[in-house]
């Protein structure tokens, strides 16, 4: 078992372990939620610290994946806004955080936009 996804997750975890507990520098570590994708800007987001944000469990059938329908997401414009907000406020210094939009429309939007495009 392995492959590029496992390598990516292992690398991300190893990187975070370098920062966790390190007080010799000011750091913040942002992880996108699982449903991170292109989409429309909502203009708001919530933040989970040190946990993967999940929707409450609903009814499921035997054999369903444990996270089916429970994953939160965020659009590219909203995650950019969350990063910019953190740069300005530095509220999450020394923390591992995940921005997400609870009821985001999961419809994919444009991947690339140009200045002047309406998103």
Protein backbone atom coordinates (compact mmCIF):
# COMPACT_ATOMS: atom_id res chain seq x y z
CA UNK A 1 0.00 0.00 0.00
CA UNK A 2 1.20 3.51 -0.68
CA UNK A 3 1.41 5.76 -3.65
CA UNK A 4 1.31 9.51 -4.17
CA UNK A 5 -1.61 10.17 -1.81
CA UNK A 6 0.01 8.31 1.09
CA UNK A 7 3.34 10.02 0.33
CA UNK A 8 1.62 13.43 0.38
CA UNK A 9 -0.15 12.76 3.69
CA UNK A 10 3.05 11.41 5.25
CA UNK A 11 5.00 14.45 4.05
CA UNK A 12 2.36 16.86 5.35
CA UNK A 13 2.33 15.16 8.76
CA UNK A 14 6.14 15.19 8.95
CA UNK A 15 6.16 18.91 8.09
CA UNK A 16 3.61 19.69 10.80
CA UNK A 17 5.62 17.70 13.35
CA UNK A 18 8.54 20.09 12.75
CA UNK A 19 6.38 23.04 13.83
CA UNK A 20 4.26 21.46 16.58
CA UNK A 21 5.57 22.65 19.94
CA UNK A 22 8.28 24.79 18.33
CA UNK A 23 8.46 28.15 20.12
CA UNK A 24 11.65 29.40 18.46
CA UNK A 25 9.63 30.99 15.65
CA UNK A 26 6.13 32.25 15.00
CA UNK A 27 4.24 29.78 12.80
CA UNK A 28 0.76 28.78 11.74
CA UNK A 29 -0.13 25.58 9.88
CA UNK A 30 -3.23 25.56 7.70
CA UNK A 31 -4.68 22.33 6.31
CA UNK A 32 -7.50 22.56 3.77
CA UNK A 33 -10.65 20.55 4.47
CA UNK A 34 -11.21 17.35 2.45
CA UNK A 35 -13.67 18.97 0.00
CA UNK A 36 -11.26 21.76 -0.99
CA UNK A 37 -12.06 22.66 -4.61
CA UNK A 38 -12.70 25.39 -7.15
CA UNK A 39 -15.98 27.18 -6.57
CA UNK A 40 -17.72 30.43 -5.84
CA UNK A 41 -16.74 32.76 -3.02
CA UNK A 42 -19.20 32.73 -0.12
CA UNK A 43 -17.48 35.54 1.79
CA UNK A 44 -17.44 33.68 5.11
CA UNK A 45 -15.87 30.63 6.68
CA UNK A 46 -15.44 28.89 10.02
CA UNK A 47 -12.25 27.53 11.56
CA UNK A 48 -11.51 24.21 13.25
CA UNK A 49 -8.32 23.95 15.32
CA UNK A 50 -6.45 20.64 15.61
CA UNK A 51 -9.35 18.56 14.19
CA UNK A 52 -10.78 17.66 10.81
CA UNK A 53 -14.15 19.43 10.63
CA UNK A 54 -16.97 16.93 10.11
CA UNK A 55 -20.72 17.31 9.81
CA UNK A 56 -22.74 15.31 12.37
CA UNK A 57 -23.21 11.66 11.47
CA UNK A 58 -26.47 10.88 9.78
CA UNK A 59 -28.19 7.58 9.13
CA UNK A 60 -26.06 5.19 7.12
CA UNK A 61 -26.23 1.70 5.77
CA UNK A 62 -23.82 -1.07 6.60
CA UNK A 63 -20.88 -0.88 4.25
CA UNK A 64 -21.08 2.91 3.77
CA UNK A 65 -17.80 4.73 4.24
CA UNK A 66 -17.60 6.32 7.68
CA UNK A 67 -17.15 9.85 6.26
CA UNK A 68 -19.75 9.70 3.45
CA UNK A 69 -21.66 12.97 3.42
CA UNK A 70 -19.82 14.25 6.51
CA UNK A 71 -16.93 16.13 4.93
CA UNK A 72 -16.84 19.92 4.91
CA UNK A 73 -15.38 21.91 2.06
CA UNK A 74 -14.21 25.33 1.03
CA UNK A 75 -13.75 27.08 -2.29
CA UNK A 76 -10.45 28.45 -3.57
CA UNK A 77 -11.56 32.10 -3.12
CA UNK A 78 -12.71 31.44 0.46
CA UNK A 79 -9.50 29.66 1.43
CA UNK A 80 -7.51 32.56 -0.05
CA UNK A 81 -9.60 34.92 2.10
CA UNK A 82 -8.92 32.78 5.21
CA UNK A 83 -5.16 32.86 4.57
CA UNK A 84 -5.20 36.63 3.97
CA UNK A 85 -7.21 37.15 7.17
CA UNK A 86 -4.67 35.12 9.14
CA UNK A 87 -1.78 37.12 7.67
CA UNK A 88 -3.48 40.32 8.86
CA UNK A 89 -4.65 39.16 12.31
CA UNK A 90 -2.17 36.42 13.31
CA UNK A 91 -4.89 34.99 15.58
CA UNK A 92 -3.85 31.39 14.96
CA UNK A 93 -0.12 31.71 15.60
CA UNK A 94 1.23 28.41 16.89
CA UNK A 95 -1.88 26.50 15.84
CA UNK A 96 -2.88 23.90 13.23
CA UNK A 97 -6.15 25.09 11.69
CA UNK A 98 -8.60 24.29 8.92
CA UNK A 99 -10.95 26.85 7.36
CA UNK A 100 -14.25 25.49 6.02
CA UNK A 101 -17.72 26.58 4.90
CA UNK A 102 -20.43 24.48 6.64
CA UNK A 103 -23.08 24.48 3.90
CA UNK A 104 -21.01 25.20 0.82
CA UNK A 105 -22.49 24.52 -2.58
CA UNK A 106 -20.41 21.58 -3.83
CA UNK A 107 -20.76 22.69 -7.47
CA UNK A 108 -17.31 23.20 -8.95
CA UNK A 109 -16.55 26.62 -10.34
CA UNK A 110 -13.73 27.87 -12.55
CA UNK A 111 -10.23 26.69 -11.74
CA UNK A 112 -8.53 29.75 -13.16
CA UNK A 113 -9.88 33.28 -13.14
CA UNK A 114 -8.52 36.50 -14.54
CA UNK A 115 -8.73 39.97 -13.06
CA UNK A 116 -12.13 41.31 -14.00
CA UNK A 117 -13.83 37.88 -14.10
CA UNK A 118 -16.93 37.64 -11.98
CA UNK A 119 -16.73 34.76 -9.52
